[in-house]
PDB file of N, CA and C in Angstrom:
ATOM      1  N   MET A   1       3.742  14.002   2.451  1.00  0.00           N
ATOM      2  CA  MET A   1       2.957  14.391   3.623  1.00  0.00           C
ATOM      3  C   MET A   1       1.480  14.264   3.290  1.00  0.00           C
ATOM      4  N   SER A   2       0.692  13.883   4.238  1.00  0.00           N
ATOM      5  CA  SER A   2      -0.714  13.637   3.977  1.00  0.00           C
ATOM      6  C   SER A   2      -1.621  14.844   4.255  1.00  0.00           C
ATOM      7  N   ILE A   3      -1.043  15.959   4.675  1.00  0.00           N
ATOM      8  CA  ILE A   3      -1.823  17.186   4.866  1.00  0.00           C
ATOM      9  C   ILE A   3      -1.514  18.131   3.706  1.00  0.00           C
ATOM     10  N   ILE A   4      -2.541  18.511   2.979  1.00  0.00           N
ATOM     11  CA  ILE A   4      -2.406  19.420   1.840  1.00  0.00           C
ATOM     12  C   ILE A   4      -2.880  20.803   2.277  1.00  0.00           C
ATOM     13  N   VAL A   5      -2.103  21.830   1.956  1.00  0.00           N
ATOM     14  CA  VAL A   5      -2.454  23.210   2.297  1.00  0.00           C
ATOM     15  C   VAL A   5      -2.990  23.884   1.040  1.00  0.00           C
ATOM     16  N   ASN A   6      -4.229  24.346   1.103  1.00  0.00           N
ATOM     17  CA  ASN A   6      -4.911  24.934  -0.048  1.00  0.00           C
ATOM     18  C   ASN A   6      -5.045  26.452   0.047  1.00  0.00           C
ATOM     19  N   VAL A   7      -4.030  27.116   0.565  1.00  0.00           N
ATOM     20  CA  VAL A   7      -4.087  28.576   0.671  1.00  0.00           C
ATOM     21  C   VAL A   7      -4.182  29.203  -0.717  1.00  0.00           C
ATOM     22  N   ASP A   8      -3.431  28.680  -1.693  1.00  0.00           N
ATOM     23  CA  ASP A   8      -3.457  29.231  -3.050  1.00  0.00           C
ATOM     24  C   ASP A   8      -4.859  29.176  -3.649  1.00  0.00           C
ATOM     25  N   VAL A   9      -5.561  28.083  -3.400  1.00  0.00           N
ATOM     26  CA  VAL A   9      -6.922  27.931  -3.920  1.00  0.00           C
ATOM     27  C   VAL A   9      -7.828  29.026  -3.355  1.00  0.00           C
ATOM     28  N   MET A  10      -7.739  29.233  -2.047  1.00  0.00           N
ATOM     29  CA  MET A  10      -8.586  30.248  -1.406  1.00  0.00           C
ATOM     30  C   MET A  10      -8.175  31.657  -1.821  1.00  0.00           C
ATOM     31  N   LEU A  11      -6.885  31.890  -2.014  1.00  0.00           N
ATOM     32  CA  LEU A  11      -6.435  33.198  -2.496  1.00  0.00           C
ATOM     33  C   LEU A  11      -7.032  33.479  -3.872  1.00  0.00           C
ATOM     34  N   ALA A  12      -7.029  32.496  -4.745  1.00  0.00           N
ATOM     35  CA  ALA A  12      -7.593  32.673  -6.081  1.00  0.00           C
ATOM     36  C   ALA A  12      -9.095  32.921  -6.019  1.00  0.00           C
ATOM     37  N   ARG A  13      -9.789  32.175  -5.169  1.00  0.00           N
ATOM     38  CA  ARG A  13     -11.239  32.359  -5.033  1.00  0.00           C
ATOM     39  C   ARG A  13     -11.593  33.747  -4.511  1.00  0.00           C
ATOM     40  N   ARG A  14     -10.745  34.279  -3.644  1.00  0.00           N
ATOM     41  CA  ARG A  14     -11.002  35.595  -3.043  1.00  0.00           C
ATOM     42  C   ARG A  14     -10.336  36.731  -3.827  1.00  0.00           C
ATOM     43  N   LYS A  15      -9.630  36.349  -4.904  1.00  0.00           N
ATOM     44  CA  LYS A  15      -8.922  37.333  -5.732  1.00  0.00           C
ATOM     45  C   LYS A  15      -8.005  38.218  -4.887  1.00  0.00           C
ATOM     46  N   MET A  16      -7.200  37.561  -4.066  1.00  0.00           N
ATOM     47  CA  MET A  16      -6.294  38.248  -3.152  1.00  0.00           C
ATOM     48  C   MET A  16      -4.866  37.802  -3.448  1.00  0.00           C
ATOM     49  N   GLN A  17      -3.928  38.716  -3.296  1.00  0.00           N
ATOM     50  CA  GLN A  17      -2.512  38.416  -3.479  1.00  0.00           C
ATOM     51  C   GLN A  17      -1.914  37.887  -2.170  1.00  0.00           C
ATOM     52  N   SER A  18      -0.855  37.106  -2.289  1.00  0.00           N
ATOM     53  CA  SER A  18      -0.187  36.546  -1.111  1.00  0.00           C
ATOM     54  C   SER A  18       0.305  37.633  -0.164  1.00  0.00           C
ATOM     55  N   GLY A  19       0.859  38.699  -0.717  1.00  0.00           N
ATOM     56  CA  GLY A  19       1.379  39.789   0.110  1.00  0.00           C
ATOM     57  C   GLY A  19       0.296  40.446   0.944  1.00  0.00           C
ATOM     58  N   GLU A  20      -0.877  40.606   0.360  1.00  0.00           N
ATOM     59  CA  GLU A  20      -1.994  41.198   1.096  1.00  0.00           C
ATOM     60  C   GLU A  20      -2.430  40.282   2.233  1.00  0.00           C
ATOM     61  N   LEU A  21      -2.493  38.972   1.957  1.00  0.00           N
ATOM     62  CA  LEU A  21      -2.870  38.029   3.008  1.00  0.00           C
ATOM     63  C   LEU A  21      -1.840  38.042   4.137  1.00  0.00           C
ATOM     64  N   ALA A  22      -0.563  38.015   3.781  1.00  0.00           N
ATOM     65  CA  ALA A  22       0.495  38.031   4.795  1.00  0.00           C
ATOM     66  C   ALA A  22       0.372  39.264   5.678  1.00  0.00           C
ATOM     67  N   GLU A  23       0.086  40.404   5.063  1.00  0.00           N
ATOM     68  CA  GLU A  23      -0.062  41.648   5.828  1.00  0.00           C
ATOM     69  C   GLU A  23      -1.273  41.583   6.753  1.00  0.00           C
ATOM     70  N   ARG A  24      -2.401  41.094   6.247  1.00  0.00           N
ATOM     71  CA  ARG A  24      -3.617  40.994   7.068  1.00  0.00           C
ATOM     72  C   ARG A  24      -3.440  40.030   8.237  1.00  0.00           C
ATOM     73  N   VAL A  25      -2.693  38.945   7.984  1.00  0.00           N
ATOM     74  CA  VAL A  25      -2.516  37.908   9.000  1.00  0.00           C
ATOM     75  C   VAL A  25      -1.440  38.304  10.004  1.00  0.00           C
ATOM     76  N   GLY A  26      -0.465  39.098   9.557  1.00  0.00           N
ATOM     77  CA  GLY A  26       0.618  39.503  10.442  1.00  0.00           C
ATOM     78  C   GLY A  26       1.798  38.548  10.414  1.00  0.00           C
ATOM     79  N   ILE A  27       2.008  37.896   9.269  1.00  0.00           N
ATOM     80  CA  ILE A  27       3.176  37.035   9.096  1.00  0.00           C
ATOM     81  C   ILE A  27       3.976  37.542   7.899  1.00  0.00           C
ATOM     82  N   THR A  28       5.206  37.090   7.798  1.00  0.00           N
ATOM     83  CA  THR A  28       6.031  37.530   6.680  1.00  0.00           C
ATOM     84  C   THR A  28       5.609  36.796   5.407  1.00  0.00           C
ATOM     85  N   PRO A  29       5.816  37.416   4.255  1.00  0.00           N
ATOM     86  CA  PRO A  29       5.537  36.711   2.995  1.00  0.00           C
ATOM     87  C   PRO A  29       6.336  35.414   2.874  1.00  0.00           C
ATOM     88  N   ALA A  30       7.554  35.392   3.425  1.00  0.00           N
ATOM     89  CA  ALA A  30       8.365  34.167   3.380  1.00  0.00           C
ATOM     90  C   ALA A  30       7.705  33.042   4.175  1.00  0.00           C
ATOM     91  N   ASN A  31       7.179  33.356   5.353  1.00  0.00           N
ATOM     92  CA  ASN A  31       6.501  32.325   6.156  1.00  0.00           C
ATOM     93  C   ASN A  31       5.216  31.863   5.489  1.00  0.00           C
ATOM     94  N   LEU A  32       4.503  32.770   4.840  1.00  0.00           N
ATOM     95  CA  LEU A  32       3.299  32.376   4.106  1.00  0.00           C
ATOM     96  C   LEU A  32       3.676  31.454   2.952  1.00  0.00           C
ATOM     97  N   SER A  33       4.773  31.744   2.282  1.00  0.00           N
ATOM     98  CA  SER A  33       5.243  30.899   1.191  1.00  0.00           C
ATOM     99  C   SER A  33       5.585  29.494   1.684  1.00  0.00           C
ATOM    100  N   ILE A  34       6.229  29.402   2.829  1.00  0.00           N
ATOM    101  CA  ILE A  34       6.553  28.098   3.423  1.00  0.00           C
ATOM    102  C   ILE A  34       5.277  27.318   3.709  1.00  0.00           C
ATOM    103  N   LEU A  35       4.270  28.001   4.203  1.00  0.00           N
ATOM    104  CA  LEU A  35       2.991  27.351   4.478  1.00  0.00           C
ATOM    105  C   LEU A  35       2.326  26.896   3.176  1.00  0.00           C
ATOM    106  N   LYS A  36       2.306  27.774   2.178  1.00  0.00           N
ATOM    107  CA  LYS A  36       1.653  27.458   0.910  1.00  0.00           C
ATOM    108  C   LYS A  36       2.289  26.285   0.190  1.00  0.00           C
ATOM    109  N   THR A  37       3.606  26.148   0.292  1.00  0.00           N
ATOM    110  CA  THR A  37       4.291  25.066  -0.414  1.00  0.00           C
ATOM    111  C   THR A  37       4.250  23.746   0.340  1.00  0.00           C
ATOM    112  N   GLY A  38       3.683  23.753   1.533  1.00  0.00           N
ATOM    113  CA  GLY A  38       3.576  22.524   2.309  1.00  0.00           C
ATOM    114  C   GLY A  38       4.849  22.166   3.055  1.00  0.00           C
ATOM    115  N   LYS A  39       5.791  23.090   3.138  1.00  0.00           N
ATOM    116  CA  LYS A  39       7.052  22.828   3.826  1.00  0.00           C
ATOM    117  C   LYS A  39       6.981  23.117   5.326  1.00  0.00           C
ATOM    118  N   ALA A  40       5.897  23.725   5.771  1.00  0.00           N
ATOM    119  CA  ALA A  40       5.734  24.041   7.197  1.00  0.00           C
ATOM    120  C   ALA A  40       5.503  22.755   7.969  1.00  0.00           C
ATOM    121  N   LYS A  41       6.091  22.662   9.139  1.00  0.00           N
ATOM    122  CA  LYS A  41       5.913  21.498  10.003  1.00  0.00           C
ATOM    123  C   LYS A  41       4.749  21.686  10.972  1.00  0.00           C
ATOM    124  N   ALA A  42       4.327  22.935  11.163  1.00  0.00           N
ATOM    125  CA  ALA A  42       3.246  23.230  12.106  1.00  0.00           C
ATOM    126  C   ALA A  42       2.632  24.574  11.740  1.00  0.00           C
ATOM    127  N   ILE A  43       1.432  24.802  12.254  1.00  0.00           N
ATOM    128  CA  ILE A  43       0.785  26.097  12.128  1.00  0.00           C
ATOM    129  C   ILE A  43       0.089  26.392  13.454  1.00  0.00           C
ATOM    130  N   ARG A  44       0.258  27.588  13.940  1.00  0.00           N
ATOM    131  CA  ARG A  44      -0.410  27.975  15.183  1.00  0.00           C
ATOM    132  C   ARG A  44      -1.898  28.176  14.917  1.00  0.00           C
ATOM    133  N   PHE A  45      -2.705  27.831  15.909  1.00  0.00           N
ATOM    134  CA  PHE A  45      -4.139  28.047  15.772  1.00  0.00           C
ATOM    135  C   PHE A  45      -4.448  29.526  15.569  1.00  0.00           C
ATOM    136  N   SER A  46      -3.679  30.400  16.196  1.00  0.00           N
ATOM    137  CA  SER A  46      -3.915  31.833  16.029  1.00  0.00           C
ATOM    138  C   SER A  46      -3.646  32.271  14.587  1.00  0.00           C
ATOM    139  N   THR A  47      -2.648  31.668  13.944  1.00  0.00           N
ATOM    140  CA  THR A  47      -2.361  31.976  12.544  1.00  0.00           C
ATOM    141  C   THR A  47      -3.454  31.419  11.645  1.00  0.00           C
ATOM    142  N   LEU A  48      -3.881  30.198  11.902  1.00  0.00           N
ATOM    143  CA  LEU A  48      -4.967  29.600  11.129  1.00  0.00           C
ATOM    144  C   LEU A  48      -6.244  30.422  11.288  1.00  0.00           C
ATOM    145  N   ASP A  49      -6.512  30.872  12.492  1.00  0.00           N
ATOM    146  CA  ASP A  49      -7.672  31.723  12.761  1.00  0.00           C
ATOM    147  C   ASP A  49      -7.589  33.004  11.933  1.00  0.00           C
ATOM    148  N   ALA A  50      -6.419  33.646  11.927  1.00  0.00           N
ATOM    149  CA  ALA A  50      -6.249  34.897  11.187  1.00  0.00           C
ATOM    150  C   ALA A  50      -6.391  34.681   9.683  1.00  0.00           C
ATOM    151  N   ILE A  51      -5.883  33.557   9.172  1.00  0.00           N
ATOM    152  CA  ILE A  51      -6.027  33.247   7.749  1.00  0.00           C
ATOM    153  C   ILE A  51      -7.496  33.047   7.401  1.00  0.00           C
ATOM    154  N   CYS A  52      -8.204  32.310   8.239  1.00  0.00           N
ATOM    155  CA  CYS A  52      -9.628  32.063   7.994  1.00  0.00           C
ATOM    156  C   CYS A  52     -10.434  33.369   8.046  1.00  0.00           C
ATOM    157  N   ARG A  53     -10.089  34.249   8.969  1.00  0.00           N
ATOM    158  CA  ARG A  53     -10.764  35.547   9.030  1.00  0.00           C
ATOM    159  C   ARG A  53     -10.504  36.358   7.768  1.00  0.00           C
ATOM    160  N   ALA A  54      -9.239  36.415   7.348  1.00  0.00           N
ATOM    161  CA  ALA A  54      -8.865  37.222   6.188  1.00  0.00           C
ATOM    162  C   ALA A  54      -9.482  36.684   4.894  1.00  0.00           C
ATOM    163  N   LEU A  55      -9.595  35.360   4.801  1.00  0.00           N
ATOM    164  CA  LEU A  55     -10.129  34.747   3.580  1.00  0.00           C
ATOM    165  C   LEU A  55     -11.614  34.400   3.694  1.00  0.00           C
ATOM    166  N   ASP A  56     -12.212  34.669   4.858  1.00  0.00           N
ATOM    167  CA  ASP A  56     -13.625  34.363   5.101  1.00  0.00           C
ATOM    168  C   ASP A  56     -13.928  32.907   4.733  1.00  0.00           C
ATOM    169  N   CYS A  57     -13.210  31.998   5.411  1.00  0.00           N
ATOM    170  CA  CYS A  57     -13.367  30.580   5.124  1.00  0.00           C
ATOM    171  C   CYS A  57     -13.240  29.765   6.409  1.00  0.00           C
ATOM    172  N   GLN A  58     -13.367  28.477   6.278  1.00  0.00           N
ATOM    173  CA  GLN A  58     -13.242  27.538   7.388  1.00  0.00           C
ATOM    174  C   GLN A  58     -11.867  26.873   7.339  1.00  0.00           C
ATOM    175  N   PRO A  59     -11.363  26.353   8.475  1.00  0.00           N
ATOM    176  CA  PRO A  59     -10.072  25.653   8.458  1.00  0.00           C
ATOM    177  C   PRO A  59     -10.034  24.498   7.447  1.00  0.00           C
ATOM    178  N   GLY A  60     -11.148  23.831   7.250  1.00  0.00           N
ATOM    179  CA  GLY A  60     -11.211  22.739   6.274  1.00  0.00           C
ATOM    180  C   GLY A  60     -11.062  23.197   4.835  1.00  0.00           C
ATOM    181  N   ASP A  61     -11.265  24.494   4.588  1.00  0.00           N
ATOM    182  CA  ASP A  61     -11.022  25.033   3.250  1.00  0.00           C
ATOM    183  C   ASP A  61      -9.531  25.215   3.008  1.00  0.00           C
ATOM    184  N   ILE A  62      -8.767  25.346   4.087  1.00  0.00           N
ATOM    185  CA  ILE A  62      -7.328  25.590   4.011  1.00  0.00           C
ATOM    186  C   ILE A  62      -6.541  24.289   4.094  1.00  0.00           C
ATOM    187  N   LEU A  63      -6.938  23.393   4.987  1.00  0.00           N
ATOM    188  CA  LEU A  63      -6.203  22.156   5.238  1.00  0.00           C
ATOM    189  C   LEU A  63      -7.018  20.956   4.780  1.00  0.00           C
ATOM    190  N   GLU A  64      -6.353  20.027   4.106  1.00  0.00           N
ATOM    191  CA  GLU A  64      -7.011  18.838   3.577  1.00  0.00           C
ATOM    192  C   GLU A  64      -6.157  17.614   3.918  1.00  0.00           C
ATOM    193  N   TYR A  65      -6.789  16.556   4.352  1.00  0.00           N
ATOM    194  CA  TYR A  65      -6.091  15.307   4.659  1.00  0.00           C
ATOM    195  C   TYR A  65      -6.257  14.335   3.514  1.00  0.00           C
ATOM    196  N   THR A  66      -5.152  13.769   3.061  1.00  0.00           N
ATOM    197  CA  THR A  66      -5.187  12.696   2.088  1.00  0.00           C
ATOM    198  C   THR A  66      -4.268  11.589   2.602  1.00  0.00           C
ATOM    199  N   PRO A  67      -4.749  10.365   2.666  1.00  0.00           N
ATOM    200  CA  PRO A  67      -3.913   9.275   3.181  1.00  0.00           C
ATOM    201  C   PRO A  67      -2.690   9.036   2.290  1.00  0.00           C
ATOM    202  N   ASP A  68      -1.561   8.677   2.938  1.00  0.00           N
ATOM    203  CA  ASP A  68      -0.368   8.311   2.189  1.00  0.00           C
ATOM    204  C   ASP A  68      -0.616   6.975   1.478  1.00  0.00           C
ATOM    205  N   GLU A  69      -0.046   6.859   0.320  1.00  0.00           N
ATOM    206  CA  GLU A  69      -0.220   5.595  -0.422  1.00  0.00           C
ATOM    207  C   GLU A  69       0.917   4.645  -0.164  1.00  0.00           C
TER     208      GLU A  69
END
């Protein structure tokens, strides 16, 4: 897939645990794990908004495009 999810990077920069982020965002830790591993097929804008608020970042800090080779 050509979309890379960098939630782990932002969690490390903010010194936050996955469980805390899931609680702040209002999603289950399992759904956050699916997103972090890149297995998610979609993300709601409201969820992306909540993640950006919780991590004090921009959507581009979370999602990265890399062309398929």
